[in-house]
Amino acid sequence: MNYDKLELFVSKARLGRYLRACGNSKPRALELYKANLLLAEAYYPILNYFEIFFRNALNRELIRFFNDPKWIITEKNGFMSHRALSRTGFFIQNSVIKAENSLNSRGRMVTPSALIAEQTFGFWSSFFEAKPFGLLKASILNVFPLRPSSVNRASIRDMLNEIRDFRNRIYHNEPICFDNHHIDFSDTERIRLKIYLLLSWVDSDLENHVKFYDRIPKRLITAKRI
């Protein structure tokens, strides 16, 4: 498909950024659009694995902290309703209620495992915000037992937020090949390294497992040639 036909179906506004970055060269803009899409595709396995590994490690720590495998249900009117969380709009509690309503509307049983699976990346990363973290007495740092001693809550929160924002860009079909109006892949490379760094702090085996599915370096080589 040539550029003009793709523009008809994708939209001039969406493709225009690629065209401007490529000096109004339509063939080059078309190649950049394809390269961006293939690079975004390559991120799906490692983002998916990271979210699952992080979620499950945090869930295990919360089970330990509350001494309750059903904490996501029982703490809805406990920890999640603490007045210290009012400034967050009781985000954690409301996320659980929303998940319960969604499960009920689909005729599914409301169980701890179902509620855990329903939660977003933002739900899990929010535990590293100051108020929830303090209520949990910093116990969730144990999710990253291999982290350097200099790494604190704020450092982990910032990394998680960057990964979440990048993930959302990909999942909402936003480009990941620009820095303002210029072609730039440094952000994609930086996020990849942060994912692997956090995984290495959870368990030393996770990084190697995820690398088996990682096609990002090869896709970057192709993209950088454009």
C-alpha atoms as a PDB file:
ATOM      1  CA  MET A   1       0.000   0.000   0.000  1.00  0.00           C
ATOM      2  CA  ASN A   2       1.371   3.421  -0.891  1.00  0.00           C
ATOM      3  CA  TYR A   3       1.416   6.435   1.416  1.00  0.00           C
ATOM      4  CA  ASP A   4      -1.614   8.183  -0.076  1.00  0.00           C
ATOM      5  CA  LYS A   5      -3.896   5.191   0.302  1.00  0.00           C
ATOM      6  CA  LEU A   6      -2.673   4.505   3.847  1.00  0.00           C
ATOM      7  CA  GLU A   7      -3.337   8.152   4.691  1.00  0.00           C
ATOM      8  CA  LEU A   8      -6.914   7.732   3.473  1.00  0.00           C
ATOM      9  CA  PHE A   9      -7.564   4.929   5.954  1.00  0.00           C
ATOM     10  CA  VAL A  10      -5.271   5.942   8.830  1.00  0.00           C
ATOM     11  CA  SER A  11      -5.898   9.713   8.634  1.00  0.00           C
ATOM     12  CA  LYS A  12      -3.827  12.647   7.492  1.00  0.00           C
ATOM     13  CA  ALA A  13      -3.433  13.910  11.051  1.00  0.00           C
ATOM     14  CA  ARG A  14      -1.938  10.642  12.309  1.00  0.00           C
ATOM     15  CA  LEU A  15       0.465  10.192   9.404  1.00  0.00           C
ATOM     16  CA  GLY A  16       1.378  13.866   9.224  1.00  0.00           C
ATOM     17  CA  ARG A  17       3.801  13.630  12.128  1.00  0.00           C
ATOM     18  CA  TYR A  18       5.738  10.896  10.337  1.00  0.00           C
ATOM     19  CA  LEU A  19       5.784  12.894   7.130  1.00  0.00           C
ATOM     20  CA  ARG A  20       7.132  16.033   8.813  1.00  0.00           C
ATOM     21  CA  ALA A  21       9.812  14.064  10.661  1.00  0.00           C
ATOM     22  CA  CYS A  22      10.899  12.545   7.344  1.00  0.00           C
ATOM     23  CA  GLY A  23      11.305  15.856   5.532  1.00  0.00           C
ATOM     24  CA  ASN A  24       8.038  15.355   3.605  1.00  0.00           C
ATOM     25  CA  SER A  25       9.352  12.177   2.002  1.00  0.00           C
ATOM     26  CA  LYS A  26       6.312   9.932   1.651  1.00  0.00           C
ATOM     27  CA  PRO A  27       8.267   6.700   1.043  1.00  0.00           C
ATOM     28  CA  ARG A  28      10.415   7.340   4.099  1.00  0.00           C
ATOM     29  CA  ALA A  29       7.387   8.313   6.212  1.00  0.00           C
ATOM     30  CA  LEU A  30       5.699   5.082   5.214  1.00  0.00           C
ATOM     31  CA  GLU A  31       8.759   3.091   6.285  1.00  0.00           C
ATOM     32  CA  LEU A  32       8.903   4.937   9.608  1.00  0.00           C
ATOM     33  CA  TYR A  33       5.227   4.272  10.258  1.00  0.00           C
ATOM     34  CA  LYS A  34       5.763   0.566   9.620  1.00  0.00           C
ATOM     35  CA  ALA A  35       8.909   0.482  11.759  1.00  0.00           C
ATOM     36  CA  ASN A  36       7.118   2.190  14.648  1.00  0.00           C
ATOM     37  CA  LEU A  37       4.292  -0.342  14.471  1.00  0.00           C
ATOM     38  CA  LEU A  38       6.661  -3.307  14.404  1.00  0.00           C
ATOM     39  CA  LEU A  39       8.673  -1.879  17.291  1.00  0.00           C
ATOM     40  CA  ALA A  40       5.521  -1.359  19.341  1.00  0.00           C
ATOM     41  CA  GLU A  41       4.503  -4.945  18.570  1.00  0.00           C
ATOM     42  CA  ALA A  42       7.867  -6.178  19.854  1.00  0.00           C
ATOM     43  CA  TYR A  43       7.150  -4.580  23.226  1.00  0.00           C
ATOM     44  CA  TYR A  44       3.981  -6.542  23.886  1.00  0.00           C
ATOM     45  CA  PRO A  45       5.645  -9.725  25.236  1.00  0.00           C
ATOM     46  CA  ILE A  46       7.994  -7.991  27.661  1.00  0.00           C
ATOM     47  CA  LEU A  47       5.385  -5.497  28.837  1.00  0.00           C
ATOM     48  CA  ASN A  48       2.926  -8.332  29.339  1.00  0.00           C
ATOM     49  CA  TYR A  49       5.422 -10.441  31.258  1.00  0.00           C
ATOM     50  CA  PHE A  50       6.583  -7.497  33.347  1.00  0.00           C
ATOM     51  CA  GLU A  51       3.052  -6.612  34.376  1.00  0.00           C
ATOM     52  CA  ILE A  52       2.218 -10.214  35.299  1.00  0.00           C
ATOM     53  CA  PHE A  53       5.436 -10.787  37.245  1.00  0.00           C
ATOM     54  CA  PHE A  54       5.156  -7.467  39.089  1.00  0.00           C
ATOM     55  CA  ARG A  55       1.465  -7.930  39.879  1.00  0.00           C
ATOM     56  CA  ASN A  56       1.916 -11.442  41.228  1.00  0.00           C
ATOM     57  CA  ALA A  57       4.997 -10.571  43.282  1.00  0.00           C
ATOM     58  CA  LEU A  58       3.150  -7.619  44.833  1.00  0.00           C
ATOM     59  CA  ASN A  59       0.062  -9.731  45.465  1.00  0.00           C
ATOM     60  CA  ARG A  60       2.177 -12.330  47.304  1.00  0.00           C
ATOM     61  CA  GLU A  61       3.679  -9.606  49.476  1.00  0.00           C
ATOM     62  CA  LEU A  62       0.255  -8.162  50.279  1.00  0.00           C
ATOM     63  CA  ILE A  63      -1.027 -11.622  51.203  1.00  0.00           C
ATOM     64  CA  ARG A  64       1.926 -11.927  53.568  1.00  0.00           C
ATOM     65  CA  PHE A  65       1.458  -8.438  55.027  1.00  0.00           C
ATOM     66  CA  PHE A  66      -2.264  -8.851  55.706  1.00  0.00           C
ATOM     67  CA  ASN A  67      -1.905 -12.572  56.442  1.00  0.00           C
ATOM     68  CA  ASP A  68      -4.910 -13.021  54.209  1.00  0.00           C
ATOM     69  CA  PRO A  69      -5.103 -14.563  50.713  1.00  0.00           C
ATOM     70  CA  LYS A  70      -8.398 -12.701  50.234  1.00  0.00           C
ATOM     71  CA  TRP A  71      -6.987  -9.277  51.133  1.00  0.00           C
ATOM     72  CA  ILE A  72      -8.285  -7.694  47.911  1.00  0.00           C
ATOM     73  CA  ILE A  73     -11.817  -8.376  49.158  1.00  0.00           C
ATOM     74  CA  THR A  74     -11.484  -8.096  52.933  1.00  0.00           C
ATOM     75  CA  GLU A  75      -9.345  -4.931  52.912  1.00  0.00           C
ATOM     76  CA  LYS A  76     -11.860  -3.049  50.796  1.00  0.00           C
ATOM     77  CA  ASN A  77     -13.336  -1.742  54.040  1.00  0.00           C
ATOM     78  CA  GLY A  78     -10.032  -1.818  55.904  1.00  0.00           C
ATOM     79  CA  PHE A  79      -6.750  -0.588  54.472  1.00  0.00           C
ATOM     80  CA  MET A  80      -8.389   0.651  51.267  1.00  0.00           C
ATOM     81  CA  SER A  81     -10.827   2.868  53.173  1.00  0.00           C
ATOM     82  CA  HIS A  82      -8.222   4.470  55.454  1.00  0.00           C
ATOM     83  CA  ARG A  83      -8.715   8.234  55.684  1.00  0.00           C
ATOM     84  CA  ALA A  84      -5.085   8.782  54.683  1.00  0.00           C
ATOM     85  CA  LEU A  85      -6.087   7.613  51.197  1.00  0.00           C
ATOM     86  CA  SER A  86      -8.809  10.244  50.790  1.00  0.00           C
ATOM     87  CA  ARG A  87      -6.423  12.475  48.828  1.00  0.00           C
ATOM     88  CA  THR A  88      -6.095   9.721  46.247  1.00  0.00           C
ATOM     89  CA  GLY A  89      -9.873   9.665  45.876  1.00  0.00           C
ATOM     90  CA  PHE A  90      -9.708   6.166  47.390  1.00  0.00           C
ATOM     91  CA  PHE A  91      -8.367   5.010  44.045  1.00  0.00           C
ATOM     92  CA  ILE A  92      -7.446   1.495  45.210  1.00  0.00           C
ATOM     93  CA  GLN A  93     -10.830   0.879  46.827  1.00  0.00           C
ATOM     94  CA  ASN A  94     -12.732   2.285  43.862  1.00  0.00           C
ATOM     95  CA  SER A  95     -10.725   0.145  41.460  1.00  0.00           C
ATOM     96  CA  VAL A  96     -11.770  -2.978  43.354  1.00  0.00           C
ATOM     97  CA  ILE A  97     -15.417  -1.876  43.442  1.00  0.00           C
ATOM     98  CA  LYS A  98     -15.311  -1.163  39.711  1.00  0.00           C
ATOM     99  CA  ALA A  99     -13.844  -4.623  39.081  1.00  0.00           C
ATOM    100  CA  GLU A 100     -16.548  -6.243  41.225  1.00  0.00           C
ATOM    101  CA  ASN A 101     -19.263  -4.437  39.270  1.00  0.00           C
ATOM    102  CA  SER A 102     -17.679  -5.467  35.985  1.00  0.00           C
ATOM    103  CA  LEU A 103     -17.509  -9.117  37.023  1.00  0.00           C
ATOM    104  CA  ASN A 104     -21.107  -9.068  38.248  1.00  0.00           C
ATOM    105  CA  SER A 105     -22.338  -7.479  35.012  1.00  0.00           C
ATOM    106  CA  ARG A 106     -20.672 -10.296  33.040  1.00  0.00           C
ATOM    107  CA  GLY A 107     -22.135 -12.998  35.272  1.00  0.00           C
ATOM    108  CA  ARG A 108     -18.765 -13.992  36.692  1.00  0.00           C
ATOM    109  CA  MET A 109     -17.990 -14.911  40.283  1.00  0.00           C
ATOM    110  CA  VAL A 110     -16.237 -12.271  42.358  1.00  0.00           C
ATOM    111  CA  THR A 111     -13.169 -14.080  43.671  1.00  0.00           C
ATOM    112  CA  PRO A 112      -9.731 -12.813  44.735  1.00  0.00           C
ATOM    113  CA  SER A 113      -8.096 -14.240  41.619  1.00  0.00           C
ATOM    114  CA  ALA A 114     -10.736 -12.703  39.340  1.00  0.00           C
ATOM    115  CA  LEU A 115     -10.370  -9.300  41.003  1.00  0.00           C
ATOM    116  CA  ILE A 116      -6.587  -9.440  40.770  1.00  0.00           C
ATOM    117  CA  ALA A 117      -6.755 -10.246  37.060  1.00  0.00           C
ATOM    118  CA  GLU A 118      -9.141  -7.323  36.484  1.00  0.00           C
ATOM    119  CA  GLN A 119      -6.817  -4.690  37.916  1.00  0.00           C
ATOM    120  CA  THR A 120      -4.799  -2.327  35.756  1.00  0.00           C
ATOM    121  CA  PHE A 121      -1.089  -1.632  35.844  1.00  0.00           C
ATOM    122  CA  GLY A 122      -1.977   1.700  37.458  1.00  0.00           C
ATOM    123  CA  PHE A 123      -3.709  -0.099  40.321  1.00  0.00           C
ATOM    124  CA  TRP A 124      -0.581  -2.061  41.202  1.00  0.00           C
ATOM    125  CA  SER A 125       1.869   0.784  40.718  1.00  0.00           C
ATOM    126  CA  SER A 126      -0.282   3.033  42.949  1.00  0.00           C
ATOM    127  CA  PHE A 127       0.801   1.012  46.007  1.00  0.00           C
ATOM    128  CA  PHE A 128       4.184   2.712  45.668  1.00  0.00           C
ATOM    129  CA  GLU A 129       2.658   6.164  46.113  1.00  0.00           C
ATOM    130  CA  ALA A 130       3.538   7.710  49.472  1.00  0.00           C
ATOM    131  CA  LYS A 131       0.249   7.193  51.367  1.00  0.00           C
ATOM    132  CA  PRO A 132      -0.464   3.536  50.516  1.00  0.00           C
ATOM    133  CA  PHE A 133       3.224   2.720  50.905  1.00  0.00           C
ATOM    134  CA  GLY A 134       3.302   4.274  54.373  1.00  0.00           C
ATOM    135  CA  LEU A 135       0.189   2.416  55.511  1.00  0.00           C
ATOM    136  CA  LEU A 136       1.854  -0.806  54.397  1.00  0.00           C
ATOM    137  CA  LYS A 137       4.920   0.081  56.502  1.00  0.00           C
ATOM    138  CA  ALA A 138       7.252  -0.126  53.495  1.00  0.00           C
ATOM    139  CA  SER A 139       6.712  -3.885  53.372  1.00  0.00           C
ATOM    140  CA  ILE A 140       6.190  -3.880  49.602  1.00  0.00           C
ATOM    141  CA  LEU A 141       9.831  -3.028  49.010  1.00  0.00           C
ATOM    142  CA  ASN A 142      10.195  -6.788  49.505  1.00  0.00           C
ATOM    143  CA  VAL A 143       8.761  -7.155  46.005  1.00  0.00           C
ATOM    144  CA  PHE A 144      12.251  -6.118  44.856  1.00  0.00           C
ATOM    145  CA  PRO A 145      14.523  -8.043  47.252  1.00  0.00           C
ATOM    146  CA  LEU A 146      17.588  -7.757  44.993  1.00  0.00           C
ATOM    147  CA  ARG A 147      17.451  -3.982  44.609  1.00  0.00           C
ATOM    148  CA  PRO A 148      20.503  -1.942  45.683  1.00  0.00           C
ATOM    149  CA  SER A 149      20.172  -0.470  49.156  1.00  0.00           C
ATOM    150  CA  SER A 150      20.191   3.028  47.656  1.00  0.00           C
ATOM    151  CA  VAL A 151      16.952   2.374  45.736  1.00  0.00           C
ATOM    152  CA  ASN A 152      13.951   3.752  47.600  1.00  0.00           C
ATOM    153  CA  ARG A 153      10.204   3.908  47.135  1.00  0.00           C
ATOM    154  CA  ALA A 154      10.267   7.087  45.062  1.00  0.00           C
ATOM    155  CA  SER A 155      12.817   5.629  42.652  1.00  0.00           C
ATOM    156  CA  ILE A 156      10.703   2.536  42.077  1.00  0.00           C
ATOM    157  CA  ARG A 157       7.501   4.587  41.775  1.00  0.00           C
ATOM    158  CA  ASP A 158       9.074   6.793  39.124  1.00  0.00           C
ATOM    159  CA  MET A 159      10.293   3.800  37.122  1.00  0.00           C
ATOM    160  CA  LEU A 160       6.907   2.102  37.329  1.00  0.00           C
ATOM    161  CA  ASN A 161       5.137   5.272  36.230  1.00  0.00           C
ATOM    162  CA  GLU A 162       7.450   5.675  33.249  1.00  0.00           C
ATOM    163  CA  ILE A 163       6.841   2.082  32.186  1.00  0.00           C
ATOM    164  CA  ARG A 164       3.085   2.480  32.668  1.00  0.00           C
ATOM    165  CA  ASP A 165       2.984   5.673  30.605  1.00  0.00           C
ATOM    166  CA  PHE A 166       5.017   4.040  27.847  1.00  0.00           C
ATOM    167  CA  ARG A 167       2.779   0.966  27.951  1.00  0.00           C
ATOM    168  CA  ASN A 168      -0.296   3.171  27.592  1.00  0.00           C
ATOM    169  CA  ARG A 169       1.201   4.921  24.573  1.00  0.00           C
ATOM    170  CA  ILE A 170       1.654   1.569  22.861  1.00  0.00           C
ATOM    171  CA  TYR A 171      -1.754   0.227  23.848  1.00  0.00           C
ATOM    172  CA  HIS A 172      -3.413   3.411  22.556  1.00  0.00           C
ATOM    173  CA  ASN A 173      -1.577   3.289  19.234  1.00  0.00           C
ATOM    174  CA  GLU A 174       0.533   6.360  19.924  1.00  0.00           C
ATOM    175  CA  PRO A 175       3.958   6.632  18.241  1.00  0.00           C
ATOM    176  CA  ILE A 176       7.087   5.684  20.188  1.00  0.00           C
ATOM    177  CA  CYS A 177       9.643   6.863  17.623  1.00  0.00           C
ATOM    178  CA  PHE A 178       9.722  10.596  18.319  1.00  0.00           C
ATOM    179  CA  ASP A 179      11.253  13.192  20.590  1.00  0.00           C
ATOM    180  CA  ASN A 180       9.001  16.161  19.892  1.00  0.00           C
ATOM    181  CA  HIS A 181       9.174  16.481  16.076  1.00  0.00           C
ATOM    182  CA  HIS A 182      12.346  14.464  15.562  1.00  0.00           C
ATOM    183  CA  ILE A 183      12.859  10.757  14.977  1.00  0.00           C
ATOM    184  CA  ASP A 184      14.287   9.389  18.201  1.00  0.00           C
ATOM    185  CA  PHE A 185      14.295   5.904  19.711  1.00  0.00           C
ATOM    186  CA  SER A 186      16.161   6.693  22.928  1.00  0.00           C
ATOM    187  CA  ASP A 187      12.970   6.585  25.005  1.00  0.00           C
ATOM    188  CA  THR A 188      12.138   3.102  23.763  1.00  0.00           C
ATOM    189  CA  GLU A 189      15.630   1.878  24.610  1.00  0.00           C
ATOM    190  CA  ARG A 190      15.576   3.481  28.053  1.00  0.00           C
ATOM    191  CA  ILE A 191      12.219   1.896  28.967  1.00  0.00           C
ATOM    192  CA  ARG A 192      13.443  -1.525  27.883  1.00  0.00           C
ATOM    193  CA  LEU A 193      16.457  -1.229  30.174  1.00  0.00           C
ATOM    194  CA  LYS A 194      14.279  -0.134  33.101  1.00  0.00           C
ATOM    195  CA  ILE A 195      11.991  -3.113  32.631  1.00  0.00           C
ATOM    196  CA  TYR A 196      14.932  -5.479  32.771  1.00  0.00           C
ATOM    197  CA  LEU A 197      16.432  -3.670  35.751  1.00  0.00           C
ATOM    198  CA  LEU A 198      13.232  -3.974  37.784  1.00  0.00           C
ATOM    199  CA  LEU A 199      12.867  -7.627  36.795  1.00  0.00           C
ATOM    200  CA  SER A 200      16.419  -8.322  37.946  1.00  0.00           C
ATOM    201  CA  TRP A 201      15.537  -6.858  41.351  1.00  0.00           C
ATOM    202  CA  VAL A 202      12.550  -9.205  41.676  1.00  0.00           C
ATOM    203  CA  ASP A 203      14.301 -12.456  40.724  1.00  0.00           C
ATOM    204  CA  SER A 204      17.526 -13.126  38.842  1.00  0.00           C
ATOM    205  CA  ASP A 205      15.862 -15.669  36.535  1.00  0.00           C
ATOM    206  CA  LEU A 206      13.142 -13.366  35.207  1.00  0.00           C
ATOM    207  CA  GLU A 207      15.395 -11.279  32.984  1.00  0.00           C
ATOM    208  CA  ASN A 208      16.698 -14.264  31.027  1.00  0.00           C
ATOM    209  CA  HIS A 209      13.211 -15.717  30.666  1.00  0.00           C
ATOM    210  CA  VAL A 210      11.831 -12.516  29.167  1.00  0.00           C
ATOM    211  CA  LYS A 211      14.816 -12.020  26.855  1.00  0.00           C
ATOM    212  CA  PHE A 212      13.815 -15.164  24.970  1.00  0.00           C
ATOM    213  CA  TYR A 213      10.776 -13.262  23.653  1.00  0.00           C
ATOM    214  CA  ASP A 214      12.544  -9.949  23.109  1.00  0.00           C
ATOM    215  CA  ARG A 215      12.680  -8.845  19.466  1.00  0.00           C
ATOM    216  CA  ILE A 216      13.182  -5.174  20.287  1.00  0.00           C
ATOM    217  CA  PRO A 217      16.937  -4.880  19.497  1.00  0.00           C
ATOM    218  CA  LYS A 218      16.470  -6.309  15.983  1.00  0.00           C
ATOM    219  CA  ARG A 219      13.507  -4.037  15.310  1.00  0.00           C
ATOM    220  CA  LEU A 220      15.502  -1.041  16.533  1.00  0.00           C
ATOM    221  CA  ILE A 221      18.338  -1.773  14.125  1.00  0.00           C
ATOM    222  CA  THR A 222      15.891  -1.694  11.232  1.00  0.00           C
ATOM    223  CA  ALA A 223      14.103   1.413  12.491  1.00  0.00           C
ATOM    224  CA  LYS A 224      17.314   3.399  12.963  1.00  0.00           C
ATOM    225  CA  ARG A 225      18.252   2.867   9.326  1.00  0.00           C
ATOM    226  CA  ILE A 226      15.295   4.942   8.145  1.00  0.00           C
END
